[in-house]
C-alpha atoms as a PDB file:
ATOM      1  CA  MET A   1     -45.767 -16.138 -10.124  1.00  0.00           C
ATOM      2  CA  THR A   2     -45.028 -19.489  -8.452  1.00  0.00           C
ATOM      3  CA  ILE A   3     -41.744 -20.063  -6.018  1.00  0.00           C
ATOM      4  CA  TYR A   4     -41.215 -23.119  -8.570  1.00  0.00           C
ATOM      5  CA  SER A   5     -41.684 -21.025 -11.945  1.00  0.00           C
ATOM      6  CA  ALA A   6     -39.327 -18.119 -10.224  1.00  0.00           C
ATOM      7  CA  ASN A   7     -36.452 -20.935  -9.258  1.00  0.00           C
ATOM      8  CA  MET A   8     -36.405 -22.410 -12.654  1.00  0.00           C
ATOM      9  CA  LYS A   9     -35.823 -18.774 -14.105  1.00  0.00           C
ATOM     10  CA  HIS A  10     -33.103 -17.818 -11.729  1.00  0.00           C
ATOM     11  CA  ARG A  11     -31.311 -21.201 -12.956  1.00  0.00           C
ATOM     12  CA  SER A  12     -31.943 -20.203 -16.628  1.00  0.00           C
ATOM     13  CA  PHE A  13     -29.852 -17.200 -15.489  1.00  0.00           C
ATOM     14  CA  ILE A  14     -27.110 -19.239 -14.147  1.00  0.00           C
ATOM     15  CA  TRP A  15     -26.804 -21.434 -17.367  1.00  0.00           C
ATOM     16  CA  GLN A  16     -26.417 -18.064 -19.216  1.00  0.00           C
ATOM     17  CA  ILE A  17     -24.066 -16.295 -17.046  1.00  0.00           C
ATOM     18  CA  SER A  18     -21.944 -19.718 -17.346  1.00  0.00           C
ATOM     19  CA  SER A  19     -22.158 -20.157 -20.537  1.00  0.00           C
ATOM     20  CA  VAL A  20     -20.860 -16.654 -21.497  1.00  0.00           C
ATOM     21  CA  SER A  21     -17.741 -17.253 -19.162  1.00  0.00           C
ATOM     22  CA  PHE A  22     -16.688 -20.630 -20.457  1.00  0.00           C
ATOM     23  CA  PHE A  23     -16.239 -19.181 -24.002  1.00  0.00           C
ATOM     24  CA  LEU A  24     -14.580 -16.194 -22.408  1.00  0.00           C
ATOM     25  CA  GLY A  25     -12.121 -18.483 -21.138  1.00  0.00           C
ATOM     26  CA  LEU A  26     -11.616 -20.269 -24.474  1.00  0.00           C
ATOM     27  CA  LEU A  27     -10.905 -17.036 -26.189  1.00  0.00           C
ATOM     28  CA  LEU A  28      -8.219 -15.966 -23.542  1.00  0.00           C
ATOM     29  CA  ALA A  29      -6.294 -19.220 -23.273  1.00  0.00           C
ATOM     30  CA  ALA A  30      -6.217 -18.903 -27.081  1.00  0.00           C
ATOM     31  CA  ALA A  31      -4.655 -15.732 -26.831  1.00  0.00           C
ATOM     32  CA  THR A  32      -2.160 -16.794 -24.376  1.00  0.00           C
ATOM     33  CA  VAL A  33      -1.048 -19.252 -26.495  1.00  0.00           C
ATOM     34  CA  THR A  34      -0.994 -17.182 -29.722  1.00  0.00           C
ATOM     35  CA  ALA A  35       1.241 -14.800 -27.349  1.00  0.00           C
ATOM     36  CA  SER A  36       3.695 -17.461 -26.502  1.00  0.00           C
ATOM     37  CA  LYS A  37       3.993 -18.650 -29.839  1.00  0.00           C
ATOM     38  CA  VAL A  38       4.801 -14.764 -31.218  1.00  0.00           C
ATOM     39  CA  GLY A  39       7.247 -14.582 -28.140  1.00  0.00           C
ATOM     40  CA  ARG A  40       9.165 -17.701 -28.625  1.00  0.00           C
ATOM     41  CA  ASP A  41       9.831 -17.458 -32.301  1.00  0.00           C
ATOM     42  CA  GLY A  42       8.697 -14.211 -33.666  1.00  0.00           C
ATOM     43  CA  THR A  43       6.130 -15.083 -35.809  1.00  0.00           C
ATOM     44  CA  ALA A  44       2.750 -15.674 -36.527  1.00  0.00           C
ATOM     45  CA  GLN A  45       0.455 -17.193 -39.093  1.00  0.00           C
ATOM     46  CA  THR A  46      -0.430 -15.051 -41.546  1.00  0.00           C
ATOM     47  CA  ARG A  47      -3.429 -14.841 -42.667  1.00  0.00           C
ATOM     48  CA  THR A  48      -5.170 -12.991 -45.899  1.00  0.00           C
ATOM     49  CA  GLY A  49      -6.295  -9.968 -45.840  1.00  0.00           C
ATOM     50  CA  PHE A  50      -5.115  -9.146 -42.314  1.00  0.00           C
ATOM     51  CA  VAL A  51      -2.919  -6.124 -41.331  1.00  0.00           C
ATOM     52  CA  TYR A  52      -0.249  -6.926 -38.853  1.00  0.00           C
ATOM     53  CA  GLY A  53       0.681  -4.286 -36.476  1.00  0.00           C
ATOM     54  CA  PRO A  54       4.286  -2.512 -36.274  1.00  0.00           C
ATOM     55  CA  ASN A  55       5.546  -4.839 -33.498  1.00  0.00           C
ATOM     56  CA  ILE A  56       4.421  -8.485 -35.416  1.00  0.00           C
ATOM     57  CA  SER A  57       6.625  -9.420 -38.066  1.00  0.00           C
ATOM     58  CA  VAL A  58       5.789 -12.121 -39.977  1.00  0.00           C
ATOM     59  CA  ASP A  59       9.884 -13.177 -40.950  1.00  0.00           C
ATOM     60  CA  PRO A  60      11.916 -12.848 -38.091  1.00  0.00           C
ATOM     61  CA  GLU A  61      14.795 -11.694 -40.432  1.00  0.00           C
ATOM     62  CA  LYS A  62      12.297  -9.024 -41.176  1.00  0.00           C
ATOM     63  CA  LYS A  63      11.736  -7.750 -37.707  1.00  0.00           C
ATOM     64  CA  THR A  64      15.433  -7.800 -37.471  1.00  0.00           C
ATOM     65  CA  GLU A  65      15.858  -5.462 -40.588  1.00  0.00           C
ATOM     66  CA  VAL A  66      12.897  -3.685 -39.043  1.00  0.00           C
ATOM     67  CA  LEU A  67      14.659  -2.751 -35.770  1.00  0.00           C
ATOM     68  CA  GLN A  68      17.689  -2.160 -37.281  1.00  0.00           C
ATOM     69  CA  ASP A  69      16.090   0.520 -39.300  1.00  0.00           C
ATOM     70  CA  GLN A  70      14.434   1.973 -35.896  1.00  0.00           C
ATOM     71  CA  ILE A  71      17.908   2.153 -34.524  1.00  0.00           C
ATOM     72  CA  LYS A  72      19.605   3.536 -37.334  1.00  0.00           C
ATOM     73  CA  LYS A  73      16.494   6.106 -37.242  1.00  0.00           C
ATOM     74  CA  LEU A  74      17.302   6.521 -33.563  1.00  0.00           C
ATOM     75  CA  ARG A  75      20.745   7.420 -34.066  1.00  0.00           C
ATOM     76  CA  SER A  76      19.779  10.033 -36.759  1.00  0.00           C
ATOM     77  CA  ASP A  77      17.770  11.612 -34.359  1.00  0.00           C
ATOM     78  CA  ILE A  78      20.365  11.760 -31.845  1.00  0.00           C
ATOM     79  CA  ALA A  79      23.083  13.182 -34.034  1.00  0.00           C
ATOM     80  CA  SER A  80      20.525  15.539 -35.212  1.00  0.00           C
ATOM     81  CA  LEU A  81      19.775  16.667 -31.794  1.00  0.00           C
ATOM     82  CA  GLU A  82      23.241  16.628 -30.676  1.00  0.00           C
ATOM     83  CA  LYS A  83      24.016  19.144 -33.657  1.00  0.00           C
ATOM     84  CA  ALA A  84      20.953  21.346 -33.114  1.00  0.00           C
ATOM     85  CA  SER A  85      22.328  21.392 -29.403  1.00  0.00           C
ATOM     86  CA  SER A  86      25.847  22.208 -30.270  1.00  0.00           C
ATOM     87  CA  THR A  87      24.818  25.165 -32.842  1.00  0.00           C
ATOM     88  CA  ARG A  88      22.016  26.464 -30.592  1.00  0.00           C
ATOM     89  CA  SER A  89      25.407  26.290 -28.036  1.00  0.00           C
ATOM     90  CA  ASP A  90      27.104  28.573 -30.701  1.00  0.00           C
ATOM     91  CA  VAL A  91      24.488  30.943 -30.834  1.00  0.00           C
ATOM     92  CA  SER A  92      24.532  31.066 -27.229  1.00  0.00           C
ATOM     93  CA  LYS A  93      27.980  31.951 -27.034  1.00  0.00           C
ATOM     94  CA  ASP A  94      27.511  34.343 -29.474  1.00  0.00           C
ATOM     95  CA  LEU A  95      25.017  36.236 -28.293  1.00  0.00           C
ATOM     96  CA  ASN A  96      26.557  36.339 -24.618  1.00  0.00           C
ATOM     97  CA  ARG A  97      29.920  37.915 -25.959  1.00  0.00           C
ATOM     98  CA  ASP A  98      27.645  40.429 -27.652  1.00  0.00           C
ATOM     99  CA  LEU A  99      26.055  40.744 -24.515  1.00  0.00           C
ATOM    100  CA  GLN A 100      29.269  41.973 -22.803  1.00  0.00           C
ATOM    101  CA  GLU A 101      30.568  43.807 -25.526  1.00  0.00           C
ATOM    102  CA  THR A 102      27.335  45.786 -25.339  1.00  0.00           C
ATOM    103  CA  LYS A 103      27.486  46.224 -21.194  1.00  0.00           C
ATOM    104  CA  LEU A 104      31.083  46.852 -21.595  1.00  0.00           C
ATOM    105  CA  PHE A 105      30.549  49.787 -23.857  1.00  0.00           C
ATOM    106  CA  ALA A 106      27.981  50.723 -21.926  1.00  0.00           C
ATOM    107  CA  GLY A 107      29.922  51.348 -18.933  1.00  0.00           C
ATOM    108  CA  LEU A 108      27.615  48.333 -17.124  1.00  0.00           C
ATOM    109  CA  SER A 109      30.176  46.304 -16.097  1.00  0.00           C
ATOM    110  CA  GLU A 110      33.255  46.546 -14.236  1.00  0.00           C
ATOM    111  CA  VAL A 111      36.775  46.851 -15.768  1.00  0.00           C
ATOM    112  CA  SER A 112      40.113  46.761 -15.719  1.00  0.00           C
ATOM    113  CA  GLY A 113      43.517  47.526 -17.833  1.00  0.00           C
ATOM    114  CA  PRO A 114      46.213  50.385 -18.151  1.00  0.00           C
ATOM    115  CA  GLY A 115      45.866  54.136 -18.267  1.00  0.00           C
ATOM    116  CA  VAL A 116      45.893  57.005 -16.562  1.00  0.00           C
ATOM    117  CA  VAL A 117      45.195  58.915 -12.984  1.00  0.00           C
ATOM    118  CA  VAL A 118      43.959  63.222 -13.653  1.00  0.00           C
ATOM    119  CA  THR A 119      43.530  64.733  -9.767  1.00  0.00           C
ATOM    120  CA  LEU A 120      42.109  68.247  -9.841  1.00  0.00           C
ATOM    121  CA  SER A 121      41.955  70.171  -6.973  1.00  0.00           C
ATOM    122  CA  ASP A 122      41.085  73.832  -5.815  1.00  0.00           C
ATOM    123  CA  SER A 123      44.260  75.927  -5.952  1.00  0.00           C
ATOM    124  CA  ARG A 124      46.361  76.742  -2.941  1.00  0.00           C
ATOM    125  CA  LYS A 125      47.771  79.125  -4.558  1.00  0.00           C
ATOM    126  CA  VAL A 126      47.570  82.661  -2.905  1.00  0.00           C
ATOM    127  CA  ARG A 127      44.911  84.642  -4.505  1.00  0.00           C
ATOM    128  CA  ILE A 128      45.769  87.856  -6.351  1.00  0.00           C
ATOM    129  CA  VAL A 129      43.953  91.364  -5.831  1.00  0.00           C
ATOM    130  CA  GLY A 130      41.330  91.794  -8.367  1.00  0.00           C
ATOM    131  CA  VAL A 131      41.264  88.119  -9.946  1.00  0.00           C
ATOM    132  CA  ASP A 132      37.796  86.184  -9.941  1.00  0.00           C
ATOM    133  CA  PRO A 133      38.403  83.749  -6.657  1.00  0.00           C
ATOM    134  CA  GLN A 134      36.217  81.722  -8.771  1.00  0.00           C
ATOM    135  CA  SER A 135      39.469  81.400 -10.751  1.00  0.00           C
ATOM    136  CA  TYR A 136      41.121  79.171  -7.959  1.00  0.00           C
ATOM    137  CA  LEU A 137      38.178  76.277  -7.770  1.00  0.00           C
ATOM    138  CA  ILE A 138      37.796  73.313  -9.868  1.00  0.00           C
ATOM    139  CA  HIS A 139      34.473  73.885 -11.763  1.00  0.00           C
ATOM    140  CA  ASP A 140      32.191  71.325 -13.681  1.00  0.00           C
ATOM    141  CA  ARG A 141      33.328  72.288 -17.188  1.00  0.00           C
ATOM    142  CA  ASP A 142      36.914  71.419 -15.760  1.00  0.00           C
ATOM    143  CA  ILE A 143      35.895  67.890 -14.838  1.00  0.00           C
ATOM    144  CA  ARG A 144      33.532  67.555 -18.552  1.00  0.00           C
ATOM    145  CA  ASP A 145      36.937  69.018 -20.593  1.00  0.00           C
ATOM    146  CA  VAL A 146      39.440  66.626 -19.007  1.00  0.00           C
ATOM    147  CA  VAL A 147      36.710  63.269 -19.365  1.00  0.00           C
ATOM    148  CA  ASN A 148      36.053  65.181 -22.880  1.00  0.00           C
ATOM    149  CA  GLU A 149      39.858  65.019 -23.924  1.00  0.00           C
ATOM    150  CA  LEU A 150      40.573  61.545 -23.082  1.00  0.00           C
ATOM    151  CA  ARG A 151      37.486  60.335 -24.662  1.00  0.00           C
ATOM    152  CA  ALA A 152      38.826  61.885 -27.772  1.00  0.00           C
ATOM    153  CA  SER A 153      42.037  60.074 -27.191  1.00  0.00           C
ATOM    154  CA  GLY A 154      40.676  57.048 -27.195  1.00  0.00           C
ATOM    155  CA  ALA A 155      39.835  56.427 -23.586  1.00  0.00           C
ATOM    156  CA  GLU A 156      37.971  52.857 -23.370  1.00  0.00           C
ATOM    157  CA  ALA A 157      36.424  53.765 -19.636  1.00  0.00           C
ATOM    158  CA  VAL A 158      36.478  56.540 -17.459  1.00  0.00           C
ATOM    159  CA  SER A 159      35.379  57.535 -13.913  1.00  0.00           C
ATOM    160  CA  VAL A 160      35.105  60.609 -11.738  1.00  0.00           C
ATOM    161  CA  ASN A 161      35.411  59.770  -7.758  1.00  0.00           C
ATOM    162  CA  GLY A 162      34.119  56.384  -8.474  1.00  0.00           C
ATOM    163  CA  GLN A 163      31.436  57.107 -10.353  1.00  0.00           C
ATOM    164  CA  ARG A 164      31.494  55.611 -14.063  1.00  0.00           C
ATOM    165  CA  ILE A 165      31.260  58.043 -16.681  1.00  0.00           C
ATOM    166  CA  THR A 166      28.238  56.703 -19.397  1.00  0.00           C
ATOM    167  CA  VAL A 167      26.248  58.252 -22.127  1.00  0.00           C
ATOM    168  CA  SER A 168      23.365  59.203 -19.338  1.00  0.00           C
ATOM    169  CA  SER A 169      26.315  60.440 -16.938  1.00  0.00           C
ATOM    170  CA  SER A 170      25.727  64.178 -16.008  1.00  0.00           C
ATOM    171  CA  ILE A 171      28.354  66.251 -14.168  1.00  0.00           C
ATOM    172  CA  ARG A 172      27.273  69.809 -13.200  1.00  0.00           C
ATOM    173  CA  CYS A 173      27.646  72.394 -10.476  1.00  0.00           C
ATOM    174  CA  ALA A 174      25.284  72.641  -7.637  1.00  0.00           C
ATOM    175  CA  GLY A 175      26.291  75.652  -5.410  1.00  0.00           C
ATOM    176  CA  PRO A 176      29.383  74.675  -3.766  1.00  0.00           C
ATOM    177  CA  ILE A 177      29.794  70.669  -5.093  1.00  0.00           C
ATOM    178  CA  VAL A 178      29.361  69.381  -7.985  1.00  0.00           C
ATOM    179  CA  LEU A 179      26.651  66.450  -9.005  1.00  0.00           C
ATOM    180  CA  ILE A 180      28.087  63.444 -10.536  1.00  0.00           C
ATOM    181  CA  ASN A 181      25.466  60.682 -12.032  1.00  0.00           C
ATOM    182  CA  GLN A 182      23.417  63.016  -9.366  1.00  0.00           C
ATOM    183  CA  ASP A 183      25.938  61.938  -6.511  1.00  0.00           C
ATOM    184  CA  GLU A 184      26.763  65.059  -4.695  1.00  0.00           C
ATOM    185  CA  MET A 185      31.177  65.151  -4.849  1.00  0.00           C
ATOM    186  CA  ALA A 186      33.462  67.217  -3.328  1.00  0.00           C
ATOM    187  CA  THR A 187      37.650  68.388  -4.691  1.00  0.00           C
ATOM    188  CA  PRO A 188      39.894  66.523  -5.352  1.00  0.00           C
ATOM    189  CA  PHE A 189      38.288  65.200  -7.919  1.00  0.00           C
ATOM    190  CA  ILE A 190      40.445  62.045  -9.201  1.00  0.00           C
ATOM    191  CA  ILE A 191      39.419  61.023 -12.425  1.00  0.00           C
ATOM    192  CA  GLN A 192      40.422  57.642 -13.565  1.00  0.00           C
ATOM    193  CA  ALA A 193      40.233  56.441 -17.575  1.00  0.00           C
ATOM    194  CA  ILE A 194      41.859  53.377 -19.128  1.00  0.00           C
ATOM    195  CA  GLY A 195      43.445  53.126 -22.695  1.00  0.00           C
ATOM    196  CA  ASP A 196      46.998  53.737 -23.941  1.00  0.00           C
ATOM    197  CA  PRO A 197      48.734  55.442 -21.429  1.00  0.00           C
ATOM    198  CA  ASP A 198      50.797  57.260 -23.700  1.00  0.00           C
ATOM    199  CA  LYS A 199      48.482  58.669 -25.952  1.00  0.00           C
ATOM    200  CA  LEU A 200      46.080  59.738 -23.102  1.00  0.00           C
ATOM    201  CA  ILE A 201      49.002  61.580 -21.013  1.00  0.00           C
ATOM    202  CA  SER A 202      50.456  62.841 -24.066  1.00  0.00           C
ATOM    203  CA  ALA A 203      46.879  64.475 -24.834  1.00  0.00           C
ATOM    204  CA  LEU A 204      45.780  65.775 -21.510  1.00  0.00           C
ATOM    205  CA  ASN A 205      49.678  67.610 -21.557  1.00  0.00           C
ATOM    206  CA  ILE A 206      49.784  69.244 -25.025  1.00  0.00           C
ATOM    207  CA  HIS A 207      51.011  72.729 -25.236  1.00  0.00           C
ATOM    208  CA  ASP A 208      47.787  75.218 -24.034  1.00  0.00           C
ATOM    209  CA  GLY A 209      46.114  71.770 -23.438  1.00  0.00           C
ATOM    210  CA  VAL A 210      43.078  70.917 -21.320  1.00  0.00           C
ATOM    211  CA  LEU A 211      45.230  71.064 -18.330  1.00  0.00           C
ATOM    212  CA  ASP A 212      47.761  73.599 -19.114  1.00  0.00           C
ATOM    213  CA  GLN A 213      44.581  75.652 -18.733  1.00  0.00           C
ATOM    214  CA  ILE A 214      43.477  74.179 -15.221  1.00  0.00           C
ATOM    215  CA  ARG A 215      47.211  75.176 -14.051  1.00  0.00           C
ATOM    216  CA  THR A 216      46.638  78.737 -15.184  1.00  0.00           C
ATOM    217  CA  PHE A 217      45.570  79.944 -12.035  1.00  0.00           C
ATOM    218  CA  GLY A 218      47.840  77.364  -9.544  1.00  0.00           C
ATOM    219  CA  THR A 219      50.064  74.355 -11.185  1.00  0.00           C
ATOM    220  CA  ASP A 220      48.972  72.205  -8.325  1.00  0.00           C
ATOM    221  CA  MET A 221      45.130  72.478  -9.900  1.00  0.00           C
ATOM    222  CA  ALA A 222      46.167  69.184 -12.094  1.00  0.00           C
ATOM    223  CA  ARG A 223      47.971  66.336 -11.953  1.00  0.00           C
ATOM    224  CA  SER A 224      48.474  63.735 -14.005  1.00  0.00           C
ATOM    225  CA  GLU A 225      50.126  60.117 -14.029  1.00  0.00           C
ATOM    226  CA  LYS A 226      50.259  56.649 -16.093  1.00  0.00           C
ATOM    227  CA  ARG A 227      48.991  53.563 -14.563  1.00  0.00           C
ATOM    228  CA  ALA A 228      49.797  50.204 -15.118  1.00  0.00           C
ATOM    229  CA  SER A 229      46.377  48.921 -13.818  1.00  0.00           C
ATOM    230  CA  LEU A 230      43.371  50.264 -12.974  1.00  0.00           C
ATOM    231  CA  THR A 231      40.162  49.072 -12.093  1.00  0.00           C
ATOM    232  CA  LEU A 232      36.788  50.983 -13.351  1.00  0.00           C
ATOM    233  CA  PRO A 233      33.495  50.673 -11.645  1.00  0.00           C
ATOM    234  CA  ALA A 234      30.269  49.322 -12.991  1.00  0.00           C
ATOM    235  CA  PHE A 235      27.424  52.090 -13.657  1.00  0.00           C
ATOM    236  CA  ALA A 236      25.192  51.618 -10.818  1.00  0.00           C
ATOM    237  CA  GLY A 237      22.766  54.275 -11.792  1.00  0.00           C
ATOM    238  CA  SER A 238      19.296  53.585 -13.339  1.00  0.00           C
ATOM    239  CA  THR A 239      19.168  52.008 -17.200  1.00  0.00           C
ATOM    240  CA  HIS A 240      15.558  52.582 -17.268  1.00  0.00           C
ATOM    241  CA  ILE A 241      14.457  54.248 -20.981  1.00  0.00           C
ATOM    242  CA  LYS A 242      10.913  55.689 -21.027  1.00  0.00           C
ATOM    243  CA  TYR A 243      10.732  57.481 -23.881  1.00  0.00           C
ATOM    244  CA  ALA A 244      13.445  56.708 -26.439  1.00  0.00           C
ATOM    245  CA  LYS A 245      12.043  53.563 -28.649  1.00  0.00           C
ATOM    246  CA  PRO A 246      13.701  51.301 -31.148  1.00  0.00           C
ATOM    247  CA  VAL A 247      12.594  52.119 -34.922  1.00  0.00           C
ATOM    248  CA  ALA A 248      10.575  49.103 -36.160  1.00  0.00           C
ATOM    249  CA  GLY A 249      12.190  46.854 -38.532  1.00  0.00           C
ATOM    250  CA  LYS A 250      15.273  48.186 -38.444  1.00  0.00           C
ATOM    251  CA  THR A 251      18.059  46.386 -37.849  1.00  0.00           C
ATOM    252  CA  GLN A 252      21.846  46.828 -37.566  1.00  0.00           C
ATOM    253  CA  SER A 253      22.820  45.529 -40.521  1.00  0.00           C
ATOM    254  CA  ASP A 254      20.344  47.913 -42.678  1.00  0.00           C
ATOM    255  CA  ARG A 255      22.145  50.768 -40.364  1.00  0.00           C
ATOM    256  CA  ASP A 256      25.140  49.495 -41.587  1.00  0.00           C
ATOM    257  CA  ALA A 257      23.898  49.715 -45.332  1.00  0.00           C
ATOM    258  CA  LYS A 258      23.333  53.360 -45.447  1.00  0.00           C
END
């Protein structure tokens, strides 16, 4: 290969690149003019068999109608979203209300309201010879009897020495002390209950009722009084359930229907 022939081939390559660049320039110029025309009047010359995209309208009035339809659709979508959001908000409110009521029923919420206070104390009366000394002391059964009487009389929340009583609470003796929710308690035992004060106090003090029986060996062993307002703490123990599981496929409606 001579230097002359290599130079000719090099020139041929340059002319090819130049030709391609020229035609690309023409295409770009034509595209620019067309885009400018569409941008000014919103129209483009129609061609039979050509499918126009959604953003290029053949007719300005048609383009306006398309835009108006899009606006209507967007407004409709917004209204649907607002309605759905409102519905979800109502559902959330209902779910939250049910949750709060469930926590209230389970004793997991601090509560306040009118009620009664019962104080149980060991008797300071002089012991009678021949009487079991244990009779002058407050036992776990006495506390349970009072709590059960309060619940049976409509108490909506009960606590003993600041321990909220729930379905899982235990009240039992352990030597000289009483375990309430596994916490050690000693006399006096202050039982607070929220409910109708008149109804609760009447149930507690009926003749030969629960408080009368506790007072057998000392009138100072049980005192009761109405309160206009009480505040009971939430249950602070464990709520973990290991073995009990919901019955699969059963809903509250199914259970109520039976």
